[in-house]
Amino acid sequence: GKPYLVAVGVGEFKDKAIHARPTADADAKALAKLLGDKAVLGIAPDRIKLLTSADGTREAIVKAIEAGVEATGKNDL
């Protein structure tokens, strides 16, 4: 099967009770780069959705997951 990745790295939250994760954006970018590497998992760039603090809203995350579900089949990762 073909893998699909939704990597979310949101480090700042409106709710101050949730502690910030300063490295979240960099972590999500590094994960997407690593799993996109042909020597590791080789996920095609069009099957990777990366969301960072700038665009990682609840709506964007839900849309990305829905797109991933729609783009994957029974034997896909």
PDB file of N, CA and C in Angstrom:
ATOM      1  N   GLY A   1       0.814  -1.194   0.000  1.00  0.00           N
ATOM      2  CA  GLY A   1       0.000   0.000   0.000  1.00  0.00           C
ATOM      3  C   GLY A   1       0.853   1.251   0.000  1.00  0.00           C
ATOM      4  N   LYS A   2       0.205   2.346  -0.260  1.00  0.00           N
ATOM      5  CA  LYS A   2       0.883   3.644  -0.285  1.00  0.00           C
ATOM      6  C   LYS A   2       0.630   4.381   1.027  1.00  0.00           C
ATOM      7  N   PRO A   3       1.690   4.840   1.681  1.00  0.00           N
ATOM      8  CA  PRO A   3       1.496   5.587   2.923  1.00  0.00           C
ATOM      9  C   PRO A   3       1.007   7.009   2.668  1.00  0.00           C
ATOM     10  N   TYR A   4       0.340   7.555   3.656  1.00  0.00           N
ATOM     11  CA  TYR A   4      -0.137   8.941   3.649  1.00  0.00           C
ATOM     12  C   TYR A   4       0.182   9.513   5.018  1.00  0.00           C
ATOM     13  N   LEU A   5       0.681  10.735   5.071  1.00  0.00           N
ATOM     14  CA  LEU A   5       1.087  11.334   6.338  1.00  0.00           C
ATOM     15  C   LEU A   5       0.423  12.681   6.546  1.00  0.00           C
ATOM     16  N   VAL A   6      -0.154  12.854   7.722  1.00  0.00           N
ATOM     17  CA  VAL A   6      -0.599  14.164   8.196  1.00  0.00           C
ATOM     18  C   VAL A   6       0.263  14.467   9.414  1.00  0.00           C
ATOM     19  N   ALA A   7       1.171  15.425   9.277  1.00  0.00           N
ATOM     20  CA  ALA A   7       2.059  15.820  10.371  1.00  0.00           C
ATOM     21  C   ALA A   7       1.616  17.186  10.878  1.00  0.00           C
ATOM     22  N   VAL A   8       1.309  17.261  12.164  1.00  0.00           N
ATOM     23  CA  VAL A   8       0.819  18.499  12.764  1.00  0.00           C
ATOM     24  C   VAL A   8       1.805  18.945  13.836  1.00  0.00           C
ATOM     25  N   GLY A   9       2.307  20.144  13.682  1.00  0.00           N
ATOM     26  CA  GLY A   9       3.255  20.688  14.653  1.00  0.00           C
ATOM     27  C   GLY A   9       2.801  22.032  15.172  1.00  0.00           C
ATOM     28  N   VAL A  10       1.803  22.023  16.007  1.00  0.00           N
ATOM     29  CA  VAL A  10       1.286  23.271  16.557  1.00  0.00           C
ATOM     30  C   VAL A  10       1.867  23.450  17.956  1.00  0.00           C
ATOM     31  N   GLY A  11       2.611  24.521  18.151  1.00  0.00           N
ATOM     32  CA  GLY A  11       3.290  24.734  19.412  1.00  0.00           C
ATOM     33  C   GLY A  11       2.701  25.822  20.282  1.00  0.00           C
ATOM     34  N   GLU A  12       1.838  26.647  19.722  1.00  0.00           N
ATOM     35  CA  GLU A  12       1.203  27.733  20.468  1.00  0.00           C
ATOM     36  C   GLU A  12      -0.299  27.488  20.526  1.00  0.00           C
ATOM     37  N   PHE A  13      -0.879  27.709  21.683  1.00  0.00           N
ATOM     38  CA  PHE A  13      -2.306  27.452  21.861  1.00  0.00           C
ATOM     39  C   PHE A  13      -2.988  28.666  22.471  1.00  0.00           C
ATOM     40  N   LYS A  14      -4.230  28.921  22.071  1.00  0.00           N
ATOM     41  CA  LYS A  14      -5.001  30.029  22.641  1.00  0.00           C
ATOM     42  C   LYS A  14      -5.282  29.766  24.113  1.00  0.00           C
ATOM     43  N   ASP A  15      -5.524  28.519  24.455  1.00  0.00           N
ATOM     44  CA  ASP A  15      -5.787  28.130  25.835  1.00  0.00           C
ATOM     45  C   ASP A  15      -4.449  28.094  26.577  1.00  0.00           C
ATOM     46  N   LYS A  16      -4.230  29.035  27.456  1.00  0.00           N
ATOM     47  CA  LYS A  16      -2.945  29.138  28.161  1.00  0.00           C
ATOM     48  C   LYS A  16      -2.729  28.004  29.162  1.00  0.00           C
ATOM     49  N   ALA A  17      -3.767  27.207  29.425  1.00  0.00           N
ATOM     50  CA  ALA A  17      -3.608  26.044  30.297  1.00  0.00           C
ATOM     51  C   ALA A  17      -2.828  24.944  29.585  1.00  0.00           C
ATOM     52  N   ILE A  18      -2.750  25.030  28.252  1.00  0.00           N
ATOM     53  CA  ILE A  18      -1.982  24.063  27.462  1.00  0.00           C
ATOM     54  C   ILE A  18      -0.599  24.663  27.246  1.00  0.00           C
ATOM     55  N   HIS A  19       0.393  23.989  27.740  1.00  0.00           N
ATOM     56  CA  HIS A  19       1.762  24.503  27.652  1.00  0.00           C
ATOM     57  C   HIS A  19       2.255  24.508  26.204  1.00  0.00           C
ATOM     58  N   ALA A  20       2.962  25.573  25.860  1.00  0.00           N
ATOM     59  CA  ALA A  20       3.530  25.716  24.510  1.00  0.00           C
ATOM     60  C   ALA A  20       4.602  24.655  24.275  1.00  0.00           C
ATOM     61  N   ARG A  21       4.717  24.253  23.016  1.00  0.00           N
ATOM     62  CA  ARG A  21       5.761  23.313  22.598  1.00  0.00           C
ATOM     63  C   ARG A  21       6.613  24.033  21.552  1.00  0.00           C
ATOM     64  N   PRO A  22       7.669  24.701  21.976  1.00  0.00           N
ATOM     65  CA  PRO A  22       8.460  25.539  21.067  1.00  0.00           C
ATOM     66  C   PRO A  22       9.066  24.797  19.875  1.00  0.00           C
ATOM     67  N   THR A  23       9.288  23.507  19.982  1.00  0.00           N
ATOM     68  CA  THR A  23       9.923  22.775  18.882  1.00  0.00           C
ATOM     69  C   THR A  23       8.905  22.035  17.998  1.00  0.00           C
ATOM     70  N   ALA A  24       7.621  22.249  18.234  1.00  0.00           N
ATOM     71  CA  ALA A  24       6.596  21.482  17.514  1.00  0.00           C
ATOM     72  C   ALA A  24       6.678  21.658  15.991  1.00  0.00           C
ATOM     73  N   ASP A  25       6.850  22.880  15.522  1.00  0.00           N
ATOM     74  CA  ASP A  25       6.935  23.115  14.071  1.00  0.00           C
ATOM     75  C   ASP A  25       8.133  22.381  13.470  1.00  0.00           C
ATOM     76  N   ALA A  26       9.282  22.541  14.103  1.00  0.00           N
ATOM     77  CA  ALA A  26      10.500  21.888  13.608  1.00  0.00           C
ATOM     78  C   ALA A  26      10.365  20.367  13.665  1.00  0.00           C
ATOM     79  N   ASP A  27       9.736  19.856  14.720  1.00  0.00           N
ATOM     80  CA  ASP A  27       9.551  18.408  14.853  1.00  0.00           C
ATOM     81  C   ASP A  27       8.675  17.860  13.722  1.00  0.00           C
ATOM     82  N   ALA A  28       7.570  18.547  13.423  1.00  0.00           N
ATOM     83  CA  ALA A  28       6.669  18.091  12.363  1.00  0.00           C
ATOM     84  C   ALA A  28       7.367  18.140  11.001  1.00  0.00           C
ATOM     85  N   LYS A  29       8.130  19.199  10.756  1.00  0.00           N
ATOM     86  CA  LYS A  29       8.869  19.319   9.489  1.00  0.00           C
ATOM     87  C   LYS A  29       9.901  18.203   9.364  1.00  0.00           C
ATOM     88  N   ALA A  30      10.610  17.924  10.466  1.00  0.00           N
ATOM     89  CA  ALA A  30      11.629  16.871  10.440  1.00  0.00           C
ATOM     90  C   ALA A  30      10.992  15.498  10.207  1.00  0.00           C
ATOM     91  N   LEU A  31       9.838  15.244  10.826  1.00  0.00           N
ATOM     92  CA  LEU A  31       9.137  13.975  10.630  1.00  0.00           C
ATOM     93  C   LEU A  31       8.706  13.813   9.172  1.00  0.00           C
ATOM     94  N   ALA A  32       8.142  14.866   8.596  1.00  0.00           N
ATOM     95  CA  ALA A  32       7.707  14.807   7.197  1.00  0.00           C
ATOM     96  C   ALA A  32       8.900  14.570   6.271  1.00  0.00           C
ATOM     97  N   LYS A  33      10.007  15.238   6.545  1.00  0.00           N
ATOM     98  CA  LYS A  33      11.211  15.058   5.721  1.00  0.00           C
ATOM     99  C   LYS A  33      11.748  13.635   5.856  1.00  0.00           C
ATOM    100  N   LEU A  34      11.810  13.134   7.085  1.00  0.00           N
ATOM    101  CA  LEU A  34      12.321  11.788   7.331  1.00  0.00           C
ATOM    102  C   LEU A  34      11.465  10.728   6.636  1.00  0.00           C
ATOM    103  N   LEU A  35      10.157  10.793   6.819  1.00  0.00           N
ATOM    104  CA  LEU A  35       9.287   9.768   6.240  1.00  0.00           C
ATOM    105  C   LEU A  35       9.108   9.924   4.734  1.00  0.00           C
ATOM    106  N   GLY A  36       9.435  11.099   4.207  1.00  0.00           N
ATOM    107  CA  GLY A  36       9.410  11.306   2.764  1.00  0.00           C
ATOM    108  C   GLY A  36      10.675  10.814   2.076  1.00  0.00           C
ATOM    109  N   ASP A  37      11.721  10.576   2.849  1.00  0.00           N
ATOM    110  CA  ASP A  37      12.996  10.098   2.317  1.00  0.00           C
ATOM    111  C   ASP A  37      12.825   8.679   1.767  1.00  0.00           C
ATOM    112  N   LYS A  38      13.262   8.463   0.537  1.00  0.00           N
ATOM    113  CA  LYS A  38      13.130   7.151  -0.108  1.00  0.00           C
ATOM    114  C   LYS A  38      13.856   6.041   0.661  1.00  0.00           C
ATOM    115  N   ALA A  39      14.890   6.386   1.399  1.00  0.00           N
ATOM    116  CA  ALA A  39      15.634   5.393   2.172  1.00  0.00           C
ATOM    117  C   ALA A  39      14.893   4.984   3.453  1.00  0.00           C
ATOM    118  N   VAL A  40      13.871   5.735   3.823  1.00  0.00           N
ATOM    119  CA  VAL A  40      13.136   5.427   5.051  1.00  0.00           C
ATOM    120  C   VAL A  40      11.770   4.846   4.705  1.00  0.00           C
ATOM    121  N   LEU A  41      10.808   5.691   4.333  1.00  0.00           N
ATOM    122  CA  LEU A  41       9.478   5.201   3.967  1.00  0.00           C
ATOM    123  C   LEU A  41       9.090   5.637   2.558  1.00  0.00           C
ATOM    124  N   GLY A  42       9.661   6.740   2.108  1.00  0.00           N
ATOM    125  CA  GLY A  42       9.449   7.194   0.742  1.00  0.00           C
ATOM    126  C   GLY A  42       8.045   7.665   0.425  1.00  0.00           C
ATOM    127  N   ILE A  43       7.416   8.352   1.369  1.00  0.00           N
ATOM    128  CA  ILE A  43       6.075   8.878   1.106  1.00  0.00           C
ATOM    129  C   ILE A  43       6.185   9.948   0.027  1.00  0.00           C
ATOM    130  N   ALA A  44       5.351   9.841  -0.990  1.00  0.00           N
ATOM    131  CA  ALA A  44       5.354  10.821  -2.078  1.00  0.00           C
ATOM    132  C   ALA A  44       4.937  12.190  -1.533  1.00  0.00           C
ATOM    133  N   PRO A  45       5.555  13.256  -2.032  1.00  0.00           N
ATOM    134  CA  PRO A  45       5.231  14.601  -1.535  1.00  0.00           C
ATOM    135  C   PRO A  45       3.746  14.949  -1.613  1.00  0.00           C
ATOM    136  N   ASP A  46       3.049  14.438  -2.624  1.00  0.00           N
ATOM    137  CA  ASP A  46       1.619  14.746  -2.734  1.00  0.00           C
ATOM    138  C   ASP A  46       0.768  13.957  -1.737  1.00  0.00           C
ATOM    139  N   ARG A  47       1.409  13.065  -0.964  1.00  0.00           N
ATOM    140  CA  ARG A  47       0.696  12.292   0.057  1.00  0.00           C
ATOM    141  C   ARG A  47       1.148  12.677   1.475  1.00  0.00           C
ATOM    142  N   ILE A  48       1.798  13.846   1.558  1.00  0.00           N
ATOM    143  CA  ILE A  48       2.212  14.389   2.849  1.00  0.00           C
ATOM    144  C   ILE A  48       1.516  15.722   3.048  1.00  0.00           C
ATOM    145  N   LYS A  49       0.828  15.854   4.163  1.00  0.00           N
ATOM    146  CA  LYS A  49       0.210  17.136   4.524  1.00  0.00           C
ATOM    147  C   LYS A  49       0.867  17.600   5.816  1.00  0.00           C
ATOM    148  N   LEU A  50       1.566  18.717   5.744  1.00  0.00           N
ATOM    149  CA  LEU A  50       2.280  19.281   6.892  1.00  0.00           C
ATOM    150  C   LEU A  50       1.554  20.530   7.358  1.00  0.00           C
ATOM    151  N   LEU A  51       1.166  20.536   8.622  1.00  0.00           N
ATOM    152  CA  LEU A  51       0.515  21.696   9.221  1.00  0.00           C
ATOM    153  C   LEU A  51       1.382  22.184  10.370  1.00  0.00           C
ATOM    154  N   THR A  52       1.677  23.476  10.372  1.00  0.00           N
ATOM    155  CA  THR A  52       2.485  24.067  11.437  1.00  0.00           C
ATOM    156  C   THR A  52       1.636  25.080  12.208  1.00  0.00           C
ATOM    157  N   SER A  53       2.232  25.745  13.157  1.00  0.00           N
ATOM    158  CA  SER A  53       1.487  26.703  13.980  1.00  0.00           C
ATOM    159  C   SER A  53       0.753  27.744  13.148  1.00  0.00           C
ATOM    160  N   ALA A  54       1.338  28.137  12.032  1.00  0.00           N
ATOM    161  CA  ALA A  54       0.730  29.170  11.196  1.00  0.00           C
ATOM    162  C   ALA A  54      -0.577  28.721  10.561  1.00  0.00           C
ATOM    163  N   ASP A  55      -0.690  27.436  10.237  1.00  0.00           N
ATOM    164  CA  ASP A  55      -1.884  26.965   9.531  1.00  0.00           C
ATOM    165  C   ASP A  55      -2.568  25.772  10.201  1.00  0.00           C
ATOM    166  N   GLY A  56      -2.173  25.455  11.410  1.00  0.00           N
ATOM    167  CA  GLY A  56      -2.690  24.268  12.085  1.00  0.00           C
ATOM    168  C   GLY A  56      -3.939  24.519  12.905  1.00  0.00           C
ATOM    169  N   THR A  57      -4.938  25.095  12.273  1.00  0.00           N
ATOM    170  CA  THR A  57      -6.205  25.312  12.968  1.00  0.00           C
ATOM    171  C   THR A  57      -6.973  23.993  13.067  1.00  0.00           C
ATOM    172  N   ARG A  58      -7.961  23.962  13.923  1.00  0.00           N
ATOM    173  CA  ARG A  58      -8.782  22.760  14.061  1.00  0.00           C
ATOM    174  C   ARG A  58      -9.391  22.381  12.719  1.00  0.00           C
ATOM    175  N   GLU A  59      -9.933  23.360  12.017  1.00  0.00           N
ATOM    176  CA  GLU A  59     -10.547  23.106  10.704  1.00  0.00           C
ATOM    177  C   GLU A  59      -9.537  22.528   9.724  1.00  0.00           C
ATOM    178  N   ALA A  60      -8.338  23.078   9.688  1.00  0.00           N
ATOM    179  CA  ALA A  60      -7.299  22.600   8.759  1.00  0.00           C
ATOM    180  C   ALA A  60      -6.883  21.174   9.095  1.00  0.00           C
ATOM    181  N   ILE A  61      -6.788  20.876  10.388  1.00  0.00           N
ATOM    182  CA  ILE A  61      -6.408  19.524  10.798  1.00  0.00           C
ATOM    183  C   ILE A  61      -7.480  18.523  10.405  1.00  0.00           C
ATOM    184  N   VAL A  62      -8.733  18.855  10.655  1.00  0.00           N
ATOM    185  CA  VAL A  62      -9.846  17.965  10.286  1.00  0.00           C
ATOM    186  C   VAL A  62      -9.869  17.754   8.782  1.00  0.00           C
ATOM    187  N   LYS A  63      -9.707  18.817   8.002  1.00  0.00           N
ATOM    188  CA  LYS A  63      -9.682  18.700   6.533  1.00  0.00           C
ATOM    189  C   LYS A  63      -8.545  17.808   6.068  1.00  0.00           C
ATOM    190  N   ALA A  64      -7.362  17.972   6.673  1.00  0.00           N
ATOM    191  CA  ALA A  64      -6.204  17.173   6.282  1.00  0.00           C
ATOM    192  C   ALA A  64      -6.440  15.697   6.572  1.00  0.00           C
ATOM    193  N   ILE A  65      -7.024  15.405   7.718  1.00  0.00           N
ATOM    194  CA  ILE A  65      -7.312  14.009   8.059  1.00  0.00           C
ATOM    195  C   ILE A  65      -8.378  13.441   7.126  1.00  0.00           C
ATOM    196  N   GLU A  66      -9.407  14.214   6.837  1.00  0.00           N
ATOM    197  CA  GLU A  66     -10.444  13.759   5.901  1.00  0.00           C
ATOM    198  C   GLU A  66      -9.852  13.488   4.521  1.00  0.00           C
ATOM    199  N   ALA A  67      -8.962  14.375   4.056  1.00  0.00           N
ATOM    200  CA  ALA A  67      -8.304  14.183   2.760  1.00  0.00           C
ATOM    201  C   ALA A  67      -7.455  12.911   2.775  1.00  0.00           C
ATOM    202  N   GLY A  68      -6.773  12.667   3.893  1.00  0.00           N
ATOM    203  CA  GLY A  68      -5.966  11.458   4.026  1.00  0.00           C
ATOM    204  C   GLY A  68      -6.815  10.197   3.982  1.00  0.00           C
ATOM    205  N   VAL A  69      -7.929  10.222   4.674  1.00  0.00           N
ATOM    206  CA  VAL A  69      -8.841   9.078   4.673  1.00  0.00           C
ATOM    207  C   VAL A  69      -9.375   8.830   3.266  1.00  0.00           C
ATOM    208  N   GLU A  70      -9.724   9.910   2.586  1.00  0.00           N
ATOM    209  CA  GLU A  70     -10.263   9.808   1.225  1.00  0.00           C
ATOM    210  C   GLU A  70      -9.218   9.282   0.237  1.00  0.00           C
ATOM    211  N   ALA A  71      -7.952   9.635   0.462  1.00  0.00           N
ATOM    212  CA  ALA A  71      -6.876   9.279  -0.467  1.00  0.00           C
ATOM    213  C   ALA A  71      -6.268   7.903  -0.206  1.00  0.00           C
ATOM    214  N   THR A  72      -6.684   7.276   0.868  1.00  0.00           N
ATOM    215  CA  THR A  72      -6.091   5.969   1.194  1.00  0.00           C
ATOM    216  C   THR A  72      -7.098   4.849   1.014  1.00  0.00           C
ATOM    217  N   GLY A  73      -6.545   3.682   0.740  1.00  0.00           N
ATOM    218  CA  GLY A  73      -7.359   2.495   0.564  1.00  0.00           C
ATOM    219  C   GLY A  73      -7.134   1.500   1.683  1.00  0.00           C
ATOM    220  N   LYS A  74      -7.719   0.356   1.539  1.00  0.00           N
ATOM    221  CA  LYS A  74      -7.696  -0.673   2.580  1.00  0.00           C
ATOM    222  C   LYS A  74      -6.274  -1.080   2.991  1.00  0.00           C
ATOM    223  N   ASN A  75      -5.359  -1.180   2.065  1.00  0.00           N
ATOM    224  CA  ASN A  75      -4.006  -1.670   2.376  1.00  0.00           C
ATOM    225  C   ASN A  75      -2.963  -0.554   2.490  1.00  0.00           C
ATOM    226  N   ASP A  76      -3.403   0.691   2.502  1.00  0.00           N
ATOM    227  CA  ASP A  76      -2.474   1.826   2.633  1.00  0.00           C
ATOM    228  C   ASP A  76      -2.153   2.093   4.096  1.00  0.00           C
ATOM    229  N   LEU A  77      -0.955   2.637   4.322  1.00  0.00           N
ATOM    230  CA  LEU A  77      -0.565   3.034   5.676  1.00  0.00           C
ATOM    231  C   LEU A  77      -1.110   4.416   5.977  1.00  0.00           C
TER     232      LEU A  77
END
